[in-house]
Protein backbone atom coordinates (compact mmCIF):
# COMPACT_ATOMS: atom_id res chain seq x y z
CA MET A 1 156.45 58.68 27.07
CA GLN A 2 158.56 61.33 28.73
CA ALA A 3 157.82 64.33 26.45
CA HIS A 4 155.41 65.70 29.02
CA GLY A 5 158.24 65.99 31.52
CA LEU A 6 156.42 64.43 34.48
CA ARG A 7 158.33 62.31 36.98
CA TYR A 8 156.95 61.11 40.27
CA ALA A 9 157.99 58.60 42.90
CA ALA A 10 159.74 55.46 41.64
CA GLY A 11 159.91 57.01 38.15
CA MET A 12 156.26 56.22 37.36
CA THR A 13 154.06 58.89 35.78
CA PRO A 14 150.29 58.64 35.22
CA PHE A 15 150.97 58.48 31.47
CA ASP A 16 153.41 55.61 31.88
CA PHE A 17 150.85 53.82 34.02
CA ILE A 18 147.94 54.32 31.61
CA HIS A 19 149.76 52.59 28.75
CA GLY A 20 152.32 50.47 30.56
CA LEU A 21 150.42 48.41 33.12
CA GLN A 22 150.37 44.69 32.23
CA TRP A 23 148.49 41.68 33.52
CA ASP A 24 151.72 40.18 34.82
CA ASP A 25 152.19 43.29 37.01
CA LEU A 26 149.04 42.57 38.97
CA PRO A 27 149.15 40.63 42.25
CA ASP A 28 146.61 37.86 42.59
CA PRO A 29 144.38 39.80 45.05
CA VAL A 30 144.21 42.68 42.55
CA ARG A 31 143.21 40.33 39.73
CA ALA A 32 140.52 38.81 41.91
CA GLN A 33 139.23 42.22 42.98
CA ALA A 34 138.93 43.32 39.35
CA LYS A 35 136.52 40.46 38.71
CA ARG A 36 134.56 41.22 41.89
CA CYS A 37 134.11 44.84 40.87
CA LEU A 38 133.10 43.87 37.33
CA LEU A 39 130.54 41.34 38.52
CA ASP A 40 129.07 43.85 41.00
CA LEU A 41 128.75 46.63 38.42
CA ILE A 42 127.02 44.36 35.91
CA GLY A 43 124.61 43.04 38.56
CA VAL A 44 123.68 46.59 39.59
CA ALA A 45 123.18 47.57 35.96
CA ALA A 46 120.81 44.65 35.48
CA GLY A 47 118.98 45.47 38.67
CA GLY A 48 118.46 49.06 37.55
CA LEU A 49 117.21 48.20 34.10
CA ALA A 50 113.53 48.55 35.00
CA THR A 51 113.88 52.03 36.44
CA ASP A 52 112.58 55.02 34.55
CA MET A 53 116.02 56.58 34.72
CA SER A 54 117.57 53.67 32.79
CA ARG A 55 114.71 53.41 30.32
CA ILE A 56 114.69 57.13 29.47
CA THR A 57 118.43 57.33 28.88
CA ARG A 58 118.48 54.16 26.78
CA ASP A 59 115.58 55.48 24.68
CA HIS A 60 117.37 58.82 24.34
CA ALA A 61 120.55 57.09 23.22
CA ALA A 62 118.90 54.81 20.69
CA GLU A 63 116.30 57.21 19.27
CA ASP A 64 117.88 60.64 19.52
CA CYS A 65 121.53 59.74 18.88
CA PRO A 66 121.71 56.92 16.31
CA GLY A 67 124.96 55.04 15.79
CA VAL A 68 126.56 51.63 15.81
CA ALA A 69 127.69 51.29 19.42
CA PRO A 70 125.72 48.70 21.43
CA ILE A 71 123.75 49.69 24.51
CA LEU A 72 124.05 47.61 27.66
CA PHE A 73 121.17 45.07 28.07
CA ASP A 74 119.40 46.47 25.02
CA ASN A 75 118.96 45.33 21.41
CA ARG A 76 119.51 48.83 20.04
CA THR A 77 122.59 50.87 19.18
CA SER A 78 123.64 54.46 19.52
CA ALA A 79 126.55 56.82 19.02
CA PRO A 80 129.44 55.77 21.29
CA VAL A 81 129.11 58.80 23.56
CA THR A 82 125.42 58.26 24.28
CA ALA A 83 125.80 54.48 24.49
CA ALA A 84 128.33 55.15 27.24
CA MET A 85 125.97 57.61 28.89
CA ALA A 86 123.14 55.07 28.88
CA MET A 87 125.38 52.37 30.37
CA ALA A 88 126.61 54.55 33.21
CA THR A 89 123.16 55.85 33.93
CA SER A 90 121.72 52.37 34.12
CA ILE A 91 124.32 51.50 36.75
CA ASP A 92 123.74 54.79 38.56
CA SER A 93 119.97 54.31 38.50
CA LEU A 94 120.27 51.80 41.34
CA ASP A 95 122.61 53.13 43.99
CA GLY A 96 124.18 49.80 44.83
CA HIS A 97 127.55 49.91 43.06
CA ASP A 98 131.03 49.91 44.58
CA GLY A 99 132.77 53.06 45.80
CA TYR A 100 135.89 54.58 47.30
CA ASN A 101 135.68 56.52 50.55
CA PRO A 102 138.33 59.21 49.82
CA ALA A 103 136.61 59.90 46.50
CA LYS A 104 133.22 60.30 48.12
CA GLY A 105 131.95 58.51 45.05
CA HIS A 106 132.19 55.70 42.54
CA ILE A 107 135.02 54.91 40.12
CA GLY A 108 133.58 51.92 38.28
CA CYS A 109 130.32 53.53 37.20
CA PRO A 110 131.77 56.08 34.72
CA LEU A 111 134.75 53.83 33.94
CA LEU A 112 133.05 50.62 32.80
CA PRO A 113 131.14 52.12 29.85
CA ALA A 114 134.36 53.50 28.31
CA LEU A 115 136.03 50.11 28.75
CA LEU A 116 133.15 48.32 27.05
CA ILE A 117 132.77 50.82 24.21
CA PHE A 118 136.46 51.03 23.34
CA GLY A 119 137.25 47.47 24.33
CA GLN A 120 134.78 46.16 21.80
CA GLN A 121 136.02 48.65 19.18
CA ALA A 122 139.63 47.53 19.69
CA ARG A 123 138.69 43.84 19.93
CA ILE A 124 140.79 43.31 22.99
CA SER A 125 141.19 40.14 25.02
CA GLY A 126 139.56 39.50 28.33
CA LYS A 127 142.96 39.77 29.96
CA GLY A 128 143.49 43.14 28.30
CA PHE A 129 140.10 44.29 29.47
CA LEU A 130 140.67 43.30 33.08
CA THR A 131 144.09 45.00 33.06
CA ALA A 132 142.55 48.18 31.72
CA LEU A 133 139.89 47.98 34.39
CA VAL A 134 142.54 47.83 37.13
CA MET A 135 144.36 50.74 35.53
CA GLY A 136 141.11 52.70 35.55
CA TYR A 137 140.43 52.07 39.24
CA GLU A 138 143.97 53.08 40.16
CA PHE A 139 143.88 56.16 37.99
CA GLY A 140 140.33 57.10 39.02
CA ALA A 141 141.09 56.88 42.74
CA ARG A 142 143.94 59.33 42.40
CA ALA A 143 142.07 61.62 40.02
CA ALA A 144 139.28 61.84 42.56
CA GLU A 145 141.66 62.48 45.45
CA ALA A 146 143.42 65.20 43.43
CA GLN A 147 140.22 66.95 42.50
CA HIS A 148 138.76 66.82 46.00
CA GLY A 149 142.09 68.01 47.40
CA THR A 150 142.44 70.99 45.06
CA CYS A 151 138.87 72.14 44.36
CA PRO A 152 136.70 73.89 47.00
CA ASP A 153 133.38 72.47 45.82
CA TYR A 154 132.15 68.88 46.12
CA HIS A 155 131.49 67.62 42.61
CA THR A 156 129.89 64.39 41.50
CA SER A 157 131.77 61.25 40.45
CA GLY A 158 131.16 62.19 36.84
CA SER A 159 133.61 65.09 37.09
CA TRP A 160 136.78 63.16 37.82
CA GLY A 161 135.10 60.10 36.28
CA ALA A 162 135.28 61.83 32.89
CA VAL A 163 139.10 61.96 33.17
CA THR A 164 139.15 58.33 34.30
CA ALA A 165 137.04 57.23 31.32
CA ALA A 166 139.38 59.16 29.02
CA ALA A 167 142.41 57.38 30.47
CA ALA A 168 140.74 54.04 29.81
CA GLY A 169 139.90 55.00 26.24
CA ALA A 170 143.39 56.33 25.58
CA ARG A 171 144.85 53.00 26.63
CA LEU A 172 142.46 50.83 24.66
CA LEU A 173 142.77 52.83 21.45
CA ALA A 174 146.55 53.11 21.90
CA LEU A 175 146.66 56.90 21.72
CA ASP A 176 150.17 58.32 21.67
CA ALA A 177 151.59 60.41 24.55
CA GLY A 178 150.42 63.72 23.11
CA GLN A 179 146.94 62.47 22.27
CA THR A 180 146.64 60.98 25.75
CA ARG A 181 147.53 64.28 27.40
CA HIS A 182 144.97 66.10 25.33
CA ALA A 183 142.27 63.49 25.96
CA LEU A 184 142.73 63.86 29.71
CA GLY A 185 142.76 67.64 29.43
CA ILE A 186 139.61 67.73 27.31
CA ALA A 187 137.81 65.44 29.71
CA GLU A 188 138.84 67.46 32.75
CA TYR A 189 137.82 70.75 31.13
CA HIS A 190 134.46 69.54 29.83
CA GLY A 191 133.64 66.94 32.47
CA PRO A 192 130.48 67.63 34.48
CA ARG A 193 131.48 69.76 37.47
CA SER A 194 128.03 69.06 38.89
CA GLN A 195 127.26 69.89 42.51
CA MET A 196 126.76 66.68 44.50
CA MET A 197 125.02 68.28 47.43
CA ARG A 198 122.40 69.85 45.21
CA CYS A 199 121.28 66.37 44.25
CA ILE A 200 121.37 65.31 47.89
CA ASP A 201 119.02 68.20 48.78
CA TRP A 202 116.80 67.71 45.71
CA PRO A 203 117.20 64.10 44.48
CA THR A 204 116.41 63.60 40.79
CA MET A 205 117.67 61.48 37.92
CA VAL A 206 120.83 63.58 37.50
CA LYS A 207 122.23 61.69 40.51
CA ASP A 208 126.01 61.25 40.63
CA GLY A 209 126.78 62.62 37.18
CA ALA A 210 128.24 59.29 36.04
CA GLY A 211 126.41 59.25 32.72
CA TRP A 212 127.76 62.64 31.73
CA GLY A 213 131.19 61.69 32.99
CA ALA A 214 131.27 58.62 30.78
CA MET A 215 129.97 60.59 27.83
CA SER A 216 132.59 63.36 28.30
CA GLY A 217 135.42 60.87 28.66
CA VAL A 218 134.47 58.92 25.52
CA SER A 219 134.05 62.13 23.55
CA ALA A 220 137.43 63.42 24.76
CA VAL A 221 139.19 60.31 23.44
CA GLN A 222 137.47 60.55 20.08
CA LEU A 223 138.35 64.21 19.76
CA ALA A 224 141.97 63.84 20.86
CA ARG A 225 142.42 60.99 18.35
CA ARG A 226 141.40 63.43 15.59
CA GLY A 227 143.79 66.14 16.77
CA PHE A 228 141.60 68.21 19.11
CA THR A 229 143.73 69.75 21.86
CA GLY A 230 142.99 70.31 25.55
CA ALA A 231 146.06 69.63 27.68
CA PRO A 232 146.94 69.83 30.46
CA ALA A 233 144.68 68.02 32.88
CA ILE A 234 145.65 70.08 35.89
CA THR A 235 144.65 67.48 38.50
CA VAL A 236 146.93 64.99 36.74
CA GLU A 237 149.88 67.14 35.81
CA GLN A 238 150.00 69.75 38.56
CA ALA A 239 149.12 67.76 41.67
CA PRO A 240 151.96 65.23 41.96
CA GLU A 241 151.37 64.53 45.65
CA TYR A 242 148.21 62.59 44.71
CA TRP A 243 149.87 60.36 42.11
CA THR A 244 152.24 58.30 44.21
CA GLY A 245 152.17 54.53 44.61
CA LEU A 246 151.11 53.68 41.06
CA GLY A 247 151.70 49.99 40.55
CA THR A 248 152.48 49.31 44.20
CA ASP A 249 149.69 50.78 46.37
CA TRP A 250 146.59 49.20 44.88
CA ARG A 251 143.57 51.46 45.49
CA ILE A 252 141.23 48.92 43.88
CA LEU A 253 141.67 46.85 47.05
CA ARG A 254 140.22 49.75 49.04
CA GLN A 255 136.84 49.78 47.28
CA TYR A 256 133.76 49.20 49.36
CA PHE A 257 130.72 47.29 48.22
CA LYS A 258 127.10 47.96 49.12
CA PRO A 259 124.71 45.46 50.66
CA TYR A 260 121.79 47.87 50.05
CA PRO A 261 120.95 49.94 46.95
CA VAL A 262 120.92 53.32 48.69
CA CYS A 263 123.45 56.10 49.30
CA ARG A 264 126.43 54.91 51.29
CA TRP A 265 125.83 57.64 53.84
CA ALA A 266 122.54 56.00 54.86
CA GLN A 267 124.00 52.51 55.31
CA ALA A 268 125.47 52.86 58.78
CA PRO A 269 122.10 54.06 60.16
CA ILE A 270 120.42 51.11 58.45
CA GLU A 271 122.88 48.74 60.18
CA GLY A 272 122.07 50.38 63.51
CA VAL A 273 118.32 49.90 63.05
CA LEU A 274 118.74 46.28 61.95
CA ALA A 275 121.12 45.50 64.85
CA LEU A 276 118.67 46.80 67.46
CA ARG A 277 115.74 45.10 65.74
CA ARG A 278 117.51 41.73 65.83
CA ALA A 279 118.98 42.07 69.31
CA HIS A 280 115.67 42.89 70.97
CA GLY A 281 113.27 40.93 68.79
CA LEU A 282 111.37 44.05 67.79
CA CYS A 283 108.79 44.82 65.12
CA ALA A 284 107.85 48.21 63.74
CA ALA A 285 104.76 48.45 65.92
CA ASP A 286 107.00 48.51 69.02
CA VAL A 287 108.73 51.69 67.88
CA ASP A 288 107.42 55.20 68.48
CA HIS A 289 110.20 56.85 66.52
CA ILE A 290 113.82 56.49 65.40
CA GLU A 291 116.72 58.87 66.16
CA VAL A 292 119.97 58.98 64.17
CA ASP A 293 123.25 60.78 64.97
CA SER A 294 125.59 61.04 61.99
CA PHE A 295 127.75 63.35 59.89
CA HIS A 296 126.55 66.52 58.15
CA GLU A 297 126.17 65.08 54.64
CA ALA A 298 124.13 62.12 55.83
CA ILE A 299 121.80 64.43 57.77
CA ARG A 300 121.03 66.23 54.51
CA LEU A 301 119.63 63.00 53.07
CA ALA A 302 116.36 64.15 54.50
CA THR A 303 113.59 63.14 52.06
CA SER A 304 111.15 61.51 54.42
CA ARG A 305 108.21 61.02 52.04
CA PRO A 306 109.79 60.10 48.67
CA GLU A 307 107.71 60.10 45.52
CA THR A 308 110.33 58.51 43.29
CA THR A 309 113.00 55.85 43.64
CA GLU A 310 115.66 58.53 43.30
CA GLU A 311 114.30 60.30 46.36
CA ALA A 312 114.08 56.99 48.25
CA GLN A 313 117.68 56.05 47.36
CA TYR A 314 118.99 59.48 48.45
CA SER A 315 117.36 59.41 51.84
CA THR A 316 118.41 58.38 55.32
CA THR A 317 114.97 58.43 56.91
CA PHE A 318 113.11 56.28 54.41
CA PRO A 319 115.59 53.36 54.17
CA CYS A 320 115.86 53.25 57.99
CA ALA A 321 112.11 53.02 58.19
CA VAL A 322 112.04 50.27 55.57
CA ALA A 323 114.68 48.35 57.54
CA MET A 324 112.63 48.61 60.72
CA VAL A 325 109.39 47.52 59.03
CA ARG A 326 110.70 44.84 56.69
CA GLY A 327 113.91 43.67 58.32
CA GLY A 328 116.00 44.37 55.20
CA LEU A 329 116.19 46.47 52.08
CA THR A 330 115.85 45.49 48.40
CA PRO A 331 115.21 47.46 45.22
CA ALA A 332 111.53 46.61 45.48
CA ASP A 333 111.43 48.43 48.85
CA LEU A 334 112.46 51.66 47.17
CA ASP A 335 109.77 52.09 44.52
CA GLY A 336 106.13 51.44 43.76
CA ALA A 337 103.84 50.38 46.63
CA ALA A 338 106.61 50.65 49.21
CA LEU A 339 106.62 54.43 48.77
CA ARG A 340 103.02 54.48 50.03
CA ASP A 341 103.32 51.97 52.88
CA PRO A 342 101.74 53.76 55.87
CA GLU A 343 103.93 52.15 58.53
CA ILE A 344 107.13 52.92 56.63
CA LEU A 345 105.99 56.51 56.13
CA ARG A 346 105.07 56.85 59.80
CA LEU A 347 108.58 55.94 60.90
CA SER A 348 110.26 57.85 58.07
CA GLU A 349 108.44 61.10 58.80
CA GLY A 350 109.00 60.71 62.51
CA LEU A 351 112.71 60.00 62.29
CA ILE A 352 114.88 62.61 64.03
CA MET A 353 118.43 63.22 62.75
CA ALA A 354 121.18 65.12 64.53
CA GLU A 355 124.65 66.13 63.37
CA ASP A 356 127.48 64.77 65.52
CA ALA A 357 131.05 66.08 65.81
CA LYS A 358 132.58 62.61 66.08
CA ALA A 359 130.92 61.46 62.88
CA ASN A 360 131.88 64.70 61.12
CA ALA A 361 135.52 64.25 62.09
CA ALA A 362 135.61 60.68 60.73
CA PHE A 363 134.06 61.57 57.32
CA PRO A 364 134.89 60.75 54.52
CA GLY A 365 137.29 58.05 55.55
CA THR A 366 134.63 56.43 57.76
CA ARG A 367 130.86 56.91 57.70
CA LEU A 368 129.61 56.63 61.27
CA ALA A 369 126.09 56.64 62.71
CA ARG A 370 124.44 55.90 66.04
CA VAL A 371 120.79 54.89 66.30
CA ARG A 372 118.26 55.13 69.07
CA LEU A 373 114.89 53.43 68.98
CA VAL A 374 112.36 55.17 71.21
CA LEU A 375 109.77 52.48 71.99
CA ARG A 376 106.11 52.95 72.73
CA ASP A 377 106.60 51.44 76.19
CA GLY A 378 108.97 54.30 77.06
CA ARG A 379 112.27 52.43 76.70
CA VAL A 380 115.11 53.91 74.66
CA LEU A 381 117.48 51.48 72.96
CA GLU A 382 120.79 52.80 71.61
CA SER A 383 123.19 51.14 69.17
CA ASP A 384 126.96 51.34 69.17
CA TRP A 385 128.61 53.64 66.65
CA MET A 386 127.95 51.77 63.43
CA ARG A 387 129.85 51.61 60.14
CA PRO A 388 128.46 50.45 56.80
CA ARG A 389 128.87 46.80 56.04
CA TRP A 390 131.34 45.62 53.38
CA ASP A 391 133.92 48.37 53.82
CA ALA A 392 137.39 47.66 52.44
CA GLU A 393 138.54 46.71 55.95
CA ASP A 394 135.80 44.07 56.25
CA PRO A 395 134.86 43.16 52.69
CA PRO A 396 132.16 40.74 51.58
CA SER A 397 133.13 37.22 50.75
CA ASP A 398 133.02 36.05 47.15
CA ALA A 399 129.92 34.05 48.02
CA GLU A 400 128.19 37.14 49.42
CA LEU A 401 128.96 39.20 46.30
CA VAL A 402 127.75 36.39 44.04
CA GLU A 403 124.55 36.15 46.08
CA LYS A 404 124.04 39.93 45.68
CA PHE A 405 124.68 39.66 41.94
CA HIS A 406 122.06 36.95 41.50
CA ALA A 407 119.54 38.79 43.69
CA LEU A 408 119.78 41.73 41.34
CA ALA A 409 120.36 40.06 37.98
CA ASP A 410 118.20 36.90 38.11
CA PRO A 411 114.81 38.64 38.19
CA VAL A 412 115.80 40.69 35.15
CA LEU A 413 118.03 38.46 33.06
CA GLY A 414 116.92 35.04 34.22
CA ARG A 415 119.00 32.65 36.32
CA ASP A 416 120.60 30.86 33.35
CA ARG A 417 121.89 34.01 31.66
CA ALA A 418 123.10 35.44 34.96
CA GLU A 419 124.97 32.22 35.71
CA VAL A 420 126.70 32.37 32.31
CA ILE A 421 127.77 35.99 32.88
CA ALA A 422 129.22 35.16 36.27
CA SER A 423 131.02 32.14 34.89
CA VAL A 424 132.54 34.10 31.99
CA ILE A 425 133.78 36.82 34.36
CA ASP A 426 135.38 34.19 36.58
CA ARG A 427 137.63 33.06 33.70
CA LEU A 428 137.68 36.21 31.57
CA GLU A 429 141.47 36.39 31.40
CA GLU A 430 141.38 33.19 29.33
CA ALA A 431 138.81 34.43 26.77
CA PRO A 432 138.20 37.27 24.34
CA LEU A 433 136.14 40.19 25.59
CA THR A 434 133.36 39.12 23.22
CA ALA A 435 132.79 36.06 25.40
CA LEU A 436 131.30 38.52 27.90
CA THR A 437 129.83 41.23 25.69
CA GLU A 438 127.73 38.76 23.70
CA HIS A 439 125.70 38.37 26.89
CA LEU A 440 125.68 42.06 27.80
CA PHE A 441 124.65 43.72 24.55
CA ARG A 442 121.20 42.30 24.14
CA ALA A 443 117.94 42.83 25.96
CA PRO A 444 116.58 40.41 28.59
């Protein structure tokens, strides 16, 4: 696959990597991380199934775009592009999935739908699926870095996620070198260059663009396979400095996981609130108001009185107030009656946020926040500079991720079905992909 003329460090090109990576090339920690990411994504998708955002997109896929492709956790089918959209949107509907700090976003969310759609179509093995998943995380990390490094605006994960989904599809359908180039180019050209900060300022169901990224990537593969042209993908072919280390520097090991289903930018402030609450034995009634110092983007998560779960998930003030009142944060704390809890709203509306130069300088590699609790007795308690839990440098244990998976999946799928899914993922390299999908492509 040298017709494209690309040659980077160690002789490895992105095109070589897309089609050439094999299971035997993967170190044991990379294999294990692939399963951790897969389990986490599926748990978040299950947890988000009851949201309006998931329901609307699944109904749209099944009723407005008929086809034969299965929809995640649904008994209906759709066209492949909209089945992929519905899958990614269900994951994105609950902001609890893994991410990559340099990308300022999420690789797995737009990637997984393309893997499931084309993996089922190609009838691949579980080993082949996991290998393609690793390829996608490695490709997606670099695609994100390249786009952020060469484009002046901050676009959603769906933008570079479209190119990532196309890479996965090109591999699974065994497109040739020319078709692969065109698939990536089509996906880059037509991927959703949606403005992330617009959704931060006005949170709605468009969120991180992952649904549209998955849809664009799947469509690009289908078109390229038929002869549609679109090469080059500029971020892939004209930004070689971002494509080093393929097959040696494993970006999948640098993914973070989320203990709470809210924007990553809000998670360090949550940790600060919880740390002070525990250390001083406080309850919400002790607190007059909360103050948070953090980086610019986190300060713009400013919806203090959310009316929807999207507004609650894209907020710093509301989750911090929930943490102070309830001592933790679950999906149930971000919707329904929790949005009208008077004590949560008191602290959310009273929270004061300030931009800090130290936190700005550390972003996006590190998301820092410092919290002060101003108590009703006049005392002021201040946290250390906090980082989100479960960063790549201090990841969750397998047991913690399994516990998170069951907390999200069991109420929706039932404990027995969730246990089977987790067990299949644990030994997926020994089974066909259908051993997993038979439990994913039907409704609870």
